[in-house]
Amino acid sequence: MHRSGTAMAWNVFKFCTALRGLGSVMILLVLGIVGVTYYALVLCNYGPALLAATGALDALVALAVLLIFHFLLVMLLWSYFSVVFTDPGGVPPNWRPDVDEERGETAPLSTTELSDTGSPRIRYCRKCNQLKPPRCHHCSVCGRCVLKMDHHCVWVVNCVGALNYKFFLLFLFYTFLETALVTLSLLPHFIAFFSDVEIPGTPGALATTFLTFVLNLAFTLSVLGFMIMHVSLVSGNTTTIEAYEKKTTPFWKYDLGRKRNFAQVFGNNKWYWFIPSYSEEDLRIIPALQGLDYPVRSDFDGQGF
């Protein structure tokens, strides 16, 4: 049966509206997975192992696993809630560019340049009825334009954009380390399920351990692939949306070299690279961290990459 473009658009909008309703459900799901993992690793296995250790080596291994696990858990949750509660960046009210990007010079915009006529110089969002800064895209789920939008992530119930992209990457990083640690730590217990060795513990604890191993192994592999993709995007100063859009573009003007590209996401201060925060100096000297002003290659001609 033939469906009109209007009907298709309505169905997509209905789907986006449904995604908004996930909200607290996805946050509770994440916390539920964390809770199950904590119960299996700490309360069912390595906590009791530390208390019942008869040798120094066994106690040291159990203590090391517990300390690293708790450290990574704190960093994971800190990064996760930073993504959830940090605004990815919206277009300021009455924002209007004062630089003609095509000519590369300051020039007042004429009325004709403000119209939605497909002009390559000025982008306009029909849904928000406002001008769109460079690298800004409209999110149908959030219902607004997002600065340097990467994607809308249902796991964090938020858009990933200019102001929380670093936090999202750190969430991936610490999730990978945490799930990899849990997978390796529970591997001996998982192997024991398929041996003739008698395994201590209640049926519920054993089932939880088995489930936790499988879940964390799955997350380790999937997050690793996702993390590799985003490392590639950061190295090229590209977002997920832009990577799709620039397939036919041989020259990417925002690619400033790996070092400068990295700084536009993580800043220059090494002490802040692994925490979901920025130094005041980086926020002051790197305009890209604010999501509105992005230097292009021509700004660095002759300086090398």
C-alpha atoms as a PDB file:
ATOM      1  CA  MET A   1       0.000   0.000   0.000  1.00  0.00           C
ATOM      2  CA  HIS A   2       1.310   3.476  -0.921  1.00  0.00           C
ATOM      3  CA  ARG A   3       2.138   5.829   1.922  1.00  0.00           C
ATOM      4  CA  SER A   4       2.553   9.535   1.505  1.00  0.00           C
ATOM      5  CA  GLY A   5       5.662  11.458   2.604  1.00  0.00           C
ATOM      6  CA  THR A   6       3.527  13.173   5.246  1.00  0.00           C
ATOM      7  CA  ALA A   7       2.527   9.861   6.796  1.00  0.00           C
ATOM      8  CA  MET A   8       6.131   8.659   6.825  1.00  0.00           C
ATOM      9  CA  ALA A   9       7.285  11.869   8.521  1.00  0.00           C
ATOM     10  CA  TRP A  10       4.539  11.523  11.117  1.00  0.00           C
ATOM     11  CA  ASN A  11       5.597   7.952  11.897  1.00  0.00           C
ATOM     12  CA  VAL A  12       9.222   9.002  12.360  1.00  0.00           C
ATOM     13  CA  PHE A  13       8.183  11.830  14.676  1.00  0.00           C
ATOM     14  CA  LYS A  14       6.074   9.385  16.679  1.00  0.00           C
ATOM     15  CA  PHE A  15       9.108   7.107  17.042  1.00  0.00           C
ATOM     16  CA  CYS A  16      11.273  10.018  18.234  1.00  0.00           C
ATOM     17  CA  THR A  17       8.599  10.993  20.760  1.00  0.00           C
ATOM     18  CA  ALA A  18       8.581   7.437  22.080  1.00  0.00           C
ATOM     19  CA  LEU A  19      12.344   7.583  22.612  1.00  0.00           C
ATOM     20  CA  ARG A  20      11.893  10.588  24.902  1.00  0.00           C
ATOM     21  CA  GLY A  21       9.703   8.443  27.146  1.00  0.00           C
ATOM     22  CA  LEU A  22      12.523   5.986  27.847  1.00  0.00           C
ATOM     23  CA  GLY A  23      14.115   8.550  30.172  1.00  0.00           C
ATOM     24  CA  SER A  24      14.396   7.150  33.661  1.00  0.00           C
ATOM     25  CA  VAL A  25      13.846   3.592  32.362  1.00  0.00           C
ATOM     26  CA  MET A  26      17.259   3.569  30.651  1.00  0.00           C
ATOM     27  CA  ILE A  27      18.963   5.132  33.673  1.00  0.00           C
ATOM     28  CA  LEU A  28      17.412   2.477  35.905  1.00  0.00           C
ATOM     29  CA  LEU A  29      18.525  -0.210  33.444  1.00  0.00           C
ATOM     30  CA  VAL A  30      22.124   1.021  33.584  1.00  0.00           C
ATOM     31  CA  LEU A  31      22.029   1.162  37.381  1.00  0.00           C
ATOM     32  CA  GLY A  32      20.467  -2.302  37.420  1.00  0.00           C
ATOM     33  CA  ILE A  33      23.317  -3.753  35.358  1.00  0.00           C
ATOM     34  CA  VAL A  34      25.828  -2.030  37.639  1.00  0.00           C
ATOM     35  CA  GLY A  35      24.018  -3.412  40.683  1.00  0.00           C
ATOM     36  CA  VAL A  36      23.993  -6.991  39.382  1.00  0.00           C
ATOM     37  CA  THR A  37      27.675  -6.742  38.503  1.00  0.00           C
ATOM     38  CA  TYR A  38      28.520  -5.355  41.940  1.00  0.00           C
ATOM     39  CA  TYR A  39      26.568  -8.128  43.648  1.00  0.00           C
ATOM     40  CA  ALA A  40      28.253 -10.878  41.622  1.00  0.00           C
ATOM     41  CA  LEU A  41      31.831  -9.609  41.806  1.00  0.00           C
ATOM     42  CA  VAL A  42      32.021  -8.007  45.241  1.00  0.00           C
ATOM     43  CA  LEU A  43      29.414  -9.723  47.387  1.00  0.00           C
ATOM     44  CA  CYS A  44      29.398 -13.205  45.870  1.00  0.00           C
ATOM     45  CA  ASN A  45      33.015 -13.752  44.869  1.00  0.00           C
ATOM     46  CA  TYR A  46      35.909 -11.430  45.678  1.00  0.00           C
ATOM     47  CA  GLY A  47      34.553 -10.008  48.918  1.00  0.00           C
ATOM     48  CA  PRO A  48      34.205 -13.454  50.498  1.00  0.00           C
ATOM     49  CA  ALA A  49      37.483 -14.513  48.854  1.00  0.00           C
ATOM     50  CA  LEU A  50      39.321 -11.664  50.586  1.00  0.00           C
ATOM     51  CA  LEU A  51      37.821 -12.529  53.964  1.00  0.00           C
ATOM     52  CA  ALA A  52      38.504 -16.245  53.588  1.00  0.00           C
ATOM     53  CA  ALA A  53      41.962 -15.931  52.013  1.00  0.00           C
ATOM     54  CA  THR A  54      44.488 -18.283  53.592  1.00  0.00           C
ATOM     55  CA  GLY A  55      47.527 -17.023  51.704  1.00  0.00           C
ATOM     56  CA  ALA A  56      49.020 -13.595  51.175  1.00  0.00           C
ATOM     57  CA  LEU A  57      48.883 -13.918  47.387  1.00  0.00           C
ATOM     58  CA  ASP A  58      45.170 -14.806  47.339  1.00  0.00           C
ATOM     59  CA  ALA A  59      44.383 -11.889  49.638  1.00  0.00           C
ATOM     60  CA  LEU A  60      46.473  -9.513  47.529  1.00  0.00           C
ATOM     61  CA  VAL A  61      44.757 -10.546  44.287  1.00  0.00           C
ATOM     62  CA  ALA A  62      41.285 -10.199  45.802  1.00  0.00           C
ATOM     63  CA  LEU A  63      42.144  -6.812  47.310  1.00  0.00           C
ATOM     64  CA  ALA A  64      43.611  -5.549  44.020  1.00  0.00           C
ATOM     65  CA  VAL A  65      40.511  -6.597  42.057  1.00  0.00           C
ATOM     66  CA  LEU A  66      38.213  -4.928  44.578  1.00  0.00           C
ATOM     67  CA  LEU A  67      40.192  -1.675  44.701  1.00  0.00           C
ATOM     68  CA  ILE A  68      40.486  -1.351  40.912  1.00  0.00           C
ATOM     69  CA  PHE A  69      36.835  -2.293  40.466  1.00  0.00           C
ATOM     70  CA  HIS A  70      35.633   0.378  42.884  1.00  0.00           C
ATOM     71  CA  PHE A  71      37.887   3.042  41.370  1.00  0.00           C
ATOM     72  CA  LEU A  72      36.659   2.301  37.845  1.00  0.00           C
ATOM     73  CA  LEU A  73      33.069   2.159  39.080  1.00  0.00           C
ATOM     74  CA  VAL A  74      33.342   5.658  40.574  1.00  0.00           C
ATOM     75  CA  MET A  75      34.856   7.029  37.361  1.00  0.00           C
ATOM     76  CA  LEU A  76      32.264   5.247  35.219  1.00  0.00           C
ATOM     77  CA  LEU A  77      29.318   6.613  37.193  1.00  0.00           C
ATOM     78  CA  TRP A  78      30.864  10.101  37.375  1.00  0.00           C
ATOM     79  CA  SER A  79      31.303  10.138  33.605  1.00  0.00           C
ATOM     80  CA  TYR A  80      27.870   8.623  32.982  1.00  0.00           C
ATOM     81  CA  PHE A  81      25.920  11.139  35.032  1.00  0.00           C
ATOM     82  CA  SER A  82      28.026  13.959  33.603  1.00  0.00           C
ATOM     83  CA  VAL A  83      26.757  12.976  30.155  1.00  0.00           C
ATOM     84  CA  VAL A  84      23.191  12.569  31.395  1.00  0.00           C
ATOM     85  CA  PHE A  85      22.946  15.919  33.189  1.00  0.00           C
ATOM     86  CA  THR A  86      25.200  18.104  31.011  1.00  0.00           C
ATOM     87  CA  ASP A  87      23.456  20.093  28.309  1.00  0.00           C
ATOM     88  CA  PRO A  88      25.132  19.097  25.010  1.00  0.00           C
ATOM     89  CA  GLY A  89      24.909  22.695  23.829  1.00  0.00           C
ATOM     90  CA  GLY A  90      22.055  24.705  22.357  1.00  0.00           C
ATOM     91  CA  VAL A  91      21.995  27.658  19.992  1.00  0.00           C
ATOM     92  CA  PRO A  92      22.013  30.916  22.007  1.00  0.00           C
ATOM     93  CA  PRO A  93      18.850  33.045  21.617  1.00  0.00           C
ATOM     94  CA  ASN A  94      19.031  35.371  18.615  1.00  0.00           C
ATOM     95  CA  TRP A  95      22.379  33.901  17.585  1.00  0.00           C
ATOM     96  CA  ARG A  96      23.622  35.241  14.311  1.00  0.00           C
ATOM     97  CA  PRO A  97      27.026  34.807  12.610  1.00  0.00           C
ATOM     98  CA  ASP A  98      29.174  37.810  11.937  1.00  0.00           C
ATOM     99  CA  VAL A  99      31.605  36.007   9.664  1.00  0.00           C
ATOM    100  CA  ASP A 100      30.927  34.977   6.103  1.00  0.00           C
ATOM    101  CA  GLU A 101      32.342  31.435   6.150  1.00  0.00           C
ATOM    102  CA  GLU A 102      32.536  31.206   2.386  1.00  0.00           C
ATOM    103  CA  ARG A 103      34.585  34.387   1.929  1.00  0.00           C
ATOM    104  CA  GLY A 104      36.420  34.020   5.230  1.00  0.00           C
ATOM    105  CA  GLU A 105      35.901  37.650   6.214  1.00  0.00           C
ATOM    106  CA  THR A 106      33.732  39.674   8.537  1.00  0.00           C
ATOM    107  CA  ALA A 107      30.640  40.768   6.649  1.00  0.00           C
ATOM    108  CA  PRO A 108      27.164  41.835   7.798  1.00  0.00           C
ATOM    109  CA  LEU A 109      24.507  39.413   6.631  1.00  0.00           C
ATOM    110  CA  SER A 110      21.836  40.626   4.257  1.00  0.00           C
ATOM    111  CA  THR A 111      18.177  39.670   4.433  1.00  0.00           C
ATOM    112  CA  THR A 112      18.523  37.348   1.451  1.00  0.00           C
ATOM    113  CA  GLU A 113      21.199  35.358   3.254  1.00  0.00           C
ATOM    114  CA  LEU A 114      18.812  34.616   6.107  1.00  0.00           C
ATOM    115  CA  SER A 115      16.286  32.820   3.916  1.00  0.00           C
ATOM    116  CA  ASP A 116      16.114  29.031   3.712  1.00  0.00           C
ATOM    117  CA  THR A 117      17.016  28.879   0.029  1.00  0.00           C
ATOM    118  CA  GLY A 118      19.746  26.293   0.156  1.00  0.00           C
ATOM    119  CA  SER A 119      22.537  28.840   0.397  1.00  0.00           C
ATOM    120  CA  PRO A 120      25.808  27.088   1.305  1.00  0.00           C
ATOM    121  CA  ARG A 121      26.887  30.055   3.405  1.00  0.00           C
ATOM    122  CA  ILE A 122      24.132  30.230   6.013  1.00  0.00           C
ATOM    123  CA  ARG A 123      22.202  27.268   7.375  1.00  0.00           C
ATOM    124  CA  TYR A 124      18.690  27.656   8.733  1.00  0.00           C
ATOM    125  CA  CYS A 125      16.621  25.199  10.786  1.00  0.00           C
ATOM    126  CA  ARG A 126      13.008  25.111   9.650  1.00  0.00           C
ATOM    127  CA  LYS A 127      11.883  23.262  12.776  1.00  0.00           C
ATOM    128  CA  CYS A 128      13.489  25.654  15.268  1.00  0.00           C
ATOM    129  CA  ASN A 129      13.039  28.714  13.005  1.00  0.00           C
ATOM    130  CA  GLN A 130      16.555  29.888  13.718  1.00  0.00           C
ATOM    131  CA  LEU A 131      20.005  30.081  12.151  1.00  0.00           C
ATOM    132  CA  LYS A 132      22.294  27.098  12.685  1.00  0.00           C
ATOM    133  CA  PRO A 133      25.918  27.628  13.754  1.00  0.00           C
ATOM    134  CA  PRO A 134      28.647  25.602  12.028  1.00  0.00           C
ATOM    135  CA  ARG A 135      28.501  21.861  12.792  1.00  0.00           C
ATOM    136  CA  CYS A 136      25.094  22.217  14.462  1.00  0.00           C
ATOM    137  CA  HIS A 137      22.306  19.725  13.713  1.00  0.00           C
ATOM    138  CA  HIS A 138      18.674  19.339  14.713  1.00  0.00           C
ATOM    139  CA  CYS A 139      17.792  16.424  17.010  1.00  0.00           C
ATOM    140  CA  SER A 140      14.301  15.087  16.423  1.00  0.00           C
ATOM    141  CA  VAL A 141      14.283  13.353  19.802  1.00  0.00           C
ATOM    142  CA  CYS A 142      15.266  16.416  21.846  1.00  0.00           C
ATOM    143  CA  GLY A 143      13.290  18.672  19.523  1.00  0.00           C
ATOM    144  CA  ARG A 144      16.027  21.306  19.173  1.00  0.00           C
ATOM    145  CA  CYS A 145      19.303  22.116  17.464  1.00  0.00           C
ATOM    146  CA  VAL A 146      22.415  20.770  19.195  1.00  0.00           C
ATOM    147  CA  LEU A 147      25.917  22.226  18.839  1.00  0.00           C
ATOM    148  CA  LYS A 148      28.338  19.828  17.131  1.00  0.00           C
ATOM    149  CA  MET A 149      25.803  17.039  17.530  1.00  0.00           C
ATOM    150  CA  ASP A 150      27.261  13.534  17.346  1.00  0.00           C
ATOM    151  CA  HIS A 151      24.167  11.430  17.993  1.00  0.00           C
ATOM    152  CA  HIS A 152      21.273  10.972  20.393  1.00  0.00           C
ATOM    153  CA  CYS A 153      22.144   8.197  22.837  1.00  0.00           C
ATOM    154  CA  VAL A 154      19.298   6.299  24.488  1.00  0.00           C
ATOM    155  CA  TRP A 155      21.681   4.918  27.132  1.00  0.00           C
ATOM    156  CA  VAL A 156      22.408   8.393  28.505  1.00  0.00           C
ATOM    157  CA  VAL A 157      18.939   9.764  27.662  1.00  0.00           C
ATOM    158  CA  ASN A 158      20.548  12.798  26.108  1.00  0.00           C
ATOM    159  CA  CYS A 159      22.158  14.125  22.980  1.00  0.00           C
ATOM    160  CA  VAL A 160      25.909  13.836  22.693  1.00  0.00           C
ATOM    161  CA  GLY A 161      27.204  17.206  21.519  1.00  0.00           C
ATOM    162  CA  ALA A 162      29.895  19.834  21.915  1.00  0.00           C
ATOM    163  CA  LEU A 163      29.604  20.267  25.695  1.00  0.00           C
ATOM    164  CA  ASN A 164      29.374  16.617  26.775  1.00  0.00           C
ATOM    165  CA  TYR A 165      31.196  14.665  24.048  1.00  0.00           C
ATOM    166  CA  LYS A 166      34.329  14.289  26.179  1.00  0.00           C
ATOM    167  CA  PHE A 167      32.220  12.962  29.054  1.00  0.00           C
ATOM    168  CA  PHE A 168      30.618  10.431  26.709  1.00  0.00           C
ATOM    169  CA  LEU A 169      34.019   9.221  25.511  1.00  0.00           C
ATOM    170  CA  LEU A 170      35.198   8.844  29.104  1.00  0.00           C
ATOM    171  CA  PHE A 171      32.021   6.889  29.872  1.00  0.00           C
ATOM    172  CA  LEU A 172      32.900   4.503  27.024  1.00  0.00           C
ATOM    173  CA  PHE A 173      36.508   4.294  28.198  1.00  0.00           C
ATOM    174  CA  TYR A 174      35.707   3.466  31.812  1.00  0.00           C
ATOM    175  CA  THR A 175      32.889   1.131  30.809  1.00  0.00           C
ATOM    176  CA  PHE A 176      35.331  -0.832  28.670  1.00  0.00           C
ATOM    177  CA  LEU A 177      37.920  -1.033  31.462  1.00  0.00           C
ATOM    178  CA  GLU A 178      35.301  -1.973  34.043  1.00  0.00           C
ATOM    179  CA  THR A 179      33.615  -4.668  31.968  1.00  0.00           C
ATOM    180  CA  ALA A 180      36.983  -6.063  30.849  1.00  0.00           C
ATOM    181  CA  LEU A 181      38.107  -6.287  34.486  1.00  0.00           C
ATOM    182  CA  VAL A 182      34.887  -8.041  35.522  1.00  0.00           C
ATOM    183  CA  THR A 183      35.100 -10.436  32.572  1.00  0.00           C
ATOM    184  CA  LEU A 184      38.691 -11.435  33.355  1.00  0.00           C
ATOM    185  CA  SER A 185      38.014 -11.639  37.094  1.00  0.00           C
ATOM    186  CA  LEU A 186      35.019 -13.928  36.662  1.00  0.00           C
ATOM    187  CA  LEU A 187      36.551 -16.027  33.874  1.00  0.00           C
ATOM    188  CA  PRO A 188      37.882 -18.715  36.284  1.00  0.00           C
ATOM    189  CA  HIS A 189      34.442 -18.968  37.869  1.00  0.00           C
ATOM    190  CA  PHE A 190      32.815 -19.216  34.433  1.00  0.00           C
ATOM    191  CA  ILE A 191      35.198 -22.002  33.361  1.00  0.00           C
ATOM    192  CA  ALA A 192      34.417 -23.834  36.600  1.00  0.00           C
ATOM    193  CA  PHE A 193      30.776 -24.121  35.508  1.00  0.00           C
ATOM    194  CA  PHE A 194      31.854 -26.540  32.787  1.00  0.00           C
ATOM    195  CA  SER A 195      34.196 -28.612  34.935  1.00  0.00           C
ATOM    196  CA  ASP A 196      33.571 -31.338  37.461  1.00  0.00           C
ATOM    197  CA  VAL A 197      34.800 -29.152  40.307  1.00  0.00           C
ATOM    198  CA  GLU A 198      32.252 -28.442  43.013  1.00  0.00           C
ATOM    199  CA  ILE A 199      31.494 -24.699  43.085  1.00  0.00           C
ATOM    200  CA  PRO A 200      30.648 -23.142  46.459  1.00  0.00           C
ATOM    201  CA  GLY A 201      27.743 -20.753  46.731  1.00  0.00           C
ATOM    202  CA  THR A 202      23.955 -20.688  46.511  1.00  0.00           C
ATOM    203  CA  PRO A 203      22.197 -21.406  43.194  1.00  0.00           C
ATOM    204  CA  GLY A 204      21.168 -17.740  43.020  1.00  0.00           C
ATOM    205  CA  ALA A 205      24.748 -16.529  43.466  1.00  0.00           C
ATOM    206  CA  LEU A 206      26.039 -18.974  40.862  1.00  0.00           C
ATOM    207  CA  ALA A 207      23.373 -17.942  38.352  1.00  0.00           C
ATOM    208  CA  THR A 208      24.137 -14.265  38.962  1.00  0.00           C
ATOM    209  CA  THR A 209      27.856 -14.882  38.442  1.00  0.00           C
ATOM    210  CA  PHE A 210      27.177 -16.691  35.158  1.00  0.00           C
ATOM    211  CA  LEU A 211      24.842 -13.931  33.924  1.00  0.00           C
ATOM    212  CA  THR A 212      27.275 -11.187  34.968  1.00  0.00           C
ATOM    213  CA  PHE A 213      30.131 -12.789  33.055  1.00  0.00           C
ATOM    214  CA  VAL A 214      28.086 -13.108  29.864  1.00  0.00           C
ATOM    215  CA  LEU A 215      26.739  -9.536  30.142  1.00  0.00           C
ATOM    216  CA  ASN A 216      30.133  -7.983  30.790  1.00  0.00           C
ATOM    217  CA  LEU A 217      31.784  -9.964  28.000  1.00  0.00           C
ATOM    218  CA  ALA A 218      29.126  -8.726  25.584  1.00  0.00           C
ATOM    219  CA  PHE A 219      29.551  -5.119  26.748  1.00  0.00           C
ATOM    220  CA  THR A 220      33.342  -5.352  26.560  1.00  0.00           C
ATOM    221  CA  LEU A 221      33.289  -6.407  22.913  1.00  0.00           C
ATOM    222  CA  SER A 222      30.544  -4.002  21.820  1.00  0.00           C
ATOM    223  CA  VAL A 223      31.961  -0.983  23.669  1.00  0.00           C
ATOM    224  CA  LEU A 224      35.446  -1.734  22.308  1.00  0.00           C
ATOM    225  CA  GLY A 225      34.148  -1.496  18.743  1.00  0.00           C
ATOM    226  CA  PHE A 226      32.229   1.681  19.530  1.00  0.00           C
ATOM    227  CA  MET A 227      35.265   3.197  21.247  1.00  0.00           C
ATOM    228  CA  ILE A 228      37.550   2.439  18.290  1.00  0.00           C
ATOM    229  CA  MET A 229      35.083   4.196  16.003  1.00  0.00           C
ATOM    230  CA  HIS A 230      35.037   7.317  18.177  1.00  0.00           C
ATOM    231  CA  VAL A 231      38.827   7.382  18.489  1.00  0.00           C
ATOM    232  CA  SER A 232      38.890   7.524  14.698  1.00  0.00           C
ATOM    233  CA  LEU A 233      36.322  10.344  14.705  1.00  0.00           C
ATOM    234  CA  VAL A 234      38.262  12.392  17.266  1.00  0.00           C
ATOM    235  CA  SER A 235      41.518  11.963  15.358  1.00  0.00           C
ATOM    236  CA  GLY A 236      39.823  13.416  12.265  1.00  0.00           C
ATOM    237  CA  ASN A 237      37.837  16.088  14.156  1.00  0.00           C
ATOM    238  CA  THR A 238      34.591  14.594  12.925  1.00  0.00           C
ATOM    239  CA  THR A 239      31.263  13.623  14.461  1.00  0.00           C
ATOM    240  CA  THR A 240      29.201  10.564  13.599  1.00  0.00           C
ATOM    241  CA  ILE A 241      26.816  12.727  11.571  1.00  0.00           C
ATOM    242  CA  GLU A 242      29.636  14.552   9.789  1.00  0.00           C
ATOM    243  CA  ALA A 243      31.405  11.283   8.951  1.00  0.00           C
ATOM    244  CA  TYR A 244      28.308  10.286   7.011  1.00  0.00           C
ATOM    245  CA  GLU A 245      27.867  13.703   5.384  1.00  0.00           C
ATOM    246  CA  LYS A 246      31.486  14.112   4.243  1.00  0.00           C
ATOM    247  CA  LYS A 247      31.762  10.794   2.388  1.00  0.00           C
ATOM    248  CA  THR A 248      31.786  12.711  -0.862  1.00  0.00           C
ATOM    249  CA  THR A 249      34.053  15.488   0.463  1.00  0.00           C
ATOM    250  CA  PRO A 250      37.784  14.827  -0.075  1.00  0.00           C
ATOM    251  CA  PHE A 251      38.849  17.818   2.035  1.00  0.00           C
ATOM    252  CA  TRP A 252      37.630  18.296   5.613  1.00  0.00           C
ATOM    253  CA  LYS A 253      38.346  21.851   6.691  1.00  0.00           C
ATOM    254  CA  TYR A 254      38.032  21.142  10.431  1.00  0.00           C
ATOM    255  CA  ASP A 255      40.799  18.521  10.446  1.00  0.00           C
ATOM    256  CA  LEU A 256      43.666  20.390  12.121  1.00  0.00           C
ATOM    257  CA  GLY A 257      45.909  17.423  12.801  1.00  0.00           C
ATOM    258  CA  ARG A 258      45.568  14.841  15.549  1.00  0.00           C
ATOM    259  CA  LYS A 259      47.034  16.955  18.354  1.00  0.00           C
ATOM    260  CA  ARG A 260      44.781  19.967  17.767  1.00  0.00           C
ATOM    261  CA  ASN A 261      41.791  17.724  17.055  1.00  0.00           C
ATOM    262  CA  PHE A 262      42.316  15.956  20.370  1.00  0.00           C
ATOM    263  CA  ALA A 263      42.583  19.283  22.218  1.00  0.00           C
ATOM    264  CA  GLN A 264      39.224  20.404  20.804  1.00  0.00           C
ATOM    265  CA  VAL A 265      37.588  17.537  22.699  1.00  0.00           C
ATOM    266  CA  PHE A 266      39.795  16.904  25.740  1.00  0.00           C
ATOM    267  CA  GLY A 267      41.580  20.232  26.192  1.00  0.00           C
ATOM    268  CA  ASN A 268      45.310  20.833  26.658  1.00  0.00           C
ATOM    269  CA  ASN A 269      45.587  20.249  30.409  1.00  0.00           C
ATOM    270  CA  LYS A 270      46.697  16.630  30.883  1.00  0.00           C
ATOM    271  CA  TRP A 271      45.411  16.556  34.467  1.00  0.00           C
ATOM    272  CA  TYR A 272      41.858  16.872  33.146  1.00  0.00           C
ATOM    273  CA  TRP A 273      42.045  14.374  30.286  1.00  0.00           C
ATOM    274  CA  PHE A 274      40.699  11.460  32.314  1.00  0.00           C
ATOM    275  CA  ILE A 275      38.021  13.220  34.362  1.00  0.00           C
ATOM    276  CA  PRO A 276      34.679  14.622  33.124  1.00  0.00           C
ATOM    277  CA  SER A 277      35.643  18.254  33.572  1.00  0.00           C
ATOM    278  CA  TYR A 278      37.710  21.031  31.972  1.00  0.00           C
ATOM    279  CA  SER A 279      40.226  23.465  33.374  1.00  0.00           C
ATOM    280  CA  GLU A 280      39.218  27.119  33.342  1.00  0.00           C
ATOM    281  CA  GLU A 281      42.223  27.920  31.176  1.00  0.00           C
ATOM    282  CA  ASP A 282      41.201  25.407  28.499  1.00  0.00           C
ATOM    283  CA  LEU A 283      37.659  26.780  28.436  1.00  0.00           C
ATOM    284  CA  ARG A 284      39.114  30.243  27.983  1.00  0.00           C
ATOM    285  CA  ILE A 285      41.707  29.575  25.271  1.00  0.00           C
ATOM    286  CA  ILE A 286      39.948  26.832  23.244  1.00  0.00           C
ATOM    287  CA  PRO A 287      36.744  28.327  21.748  1.00  0.00           C
ATOM    288  CA  ALA A 288      35.732  24.951  20.271  1.00  0.00           C
ATOM    289  CA  LEU A 289      34.961  23.665  23.790  1.00  0.00           C
ATOM    290  CA  GLN A 290      32.065  26.163  23.887  1.00  0.00           C
ATOM    291  CA  GLY A 291      30.617  24.687  20.689  1.00  0.00           C
ATOM    292  CA  LEU A 292      30.252  27.812  18.545  1.00  0.00           C
ATOM    293  CA  ASP A 293      33.647  28.745  17.130  1.00  0.00           C
ATOM    294  CA  TYR A 294      35.700  26.163  15.235  1.00  0.00           C
ATOM    295  CA  PRO A 295      39.005  27.046  13.571  1.00  0.00           C
ATOM    296  CA  VAL A 296      39.648  25.636  10.105  1.00  0.00           C
ATOM    297  CA  ARG A 297      42.788  24.473   8.346  1.00  0.00           C
ATOM    298  CA  SER A 298      43.355  27.796   6.622  1.00  0.00           C
ATOM    299  CA  ASP A 299      43.838  29.403  10.051  1.00  0.00           C
ATOM    300  CA  PHE A 300      46.968  27.286  10.543  1.00  0.00           C
ATOM    301  CA  ASP A 301      48.489  27.424   7.060  1.00  0.00           C
ATOM    302  CA  GLY A 302      52.261  27.288   7.310  1.00  0.00           C
ATOM    303  CA  GLN A 303      52.215  26.087  10.950  1.00  0.00           C
ATOM    304  CA  GLY A 304      52.215  22.382  10.193  1.00  0.00           C
ATOM    305  CA  PHE A 305      50.124  19.633  11.731  1.00  0.00           C
END
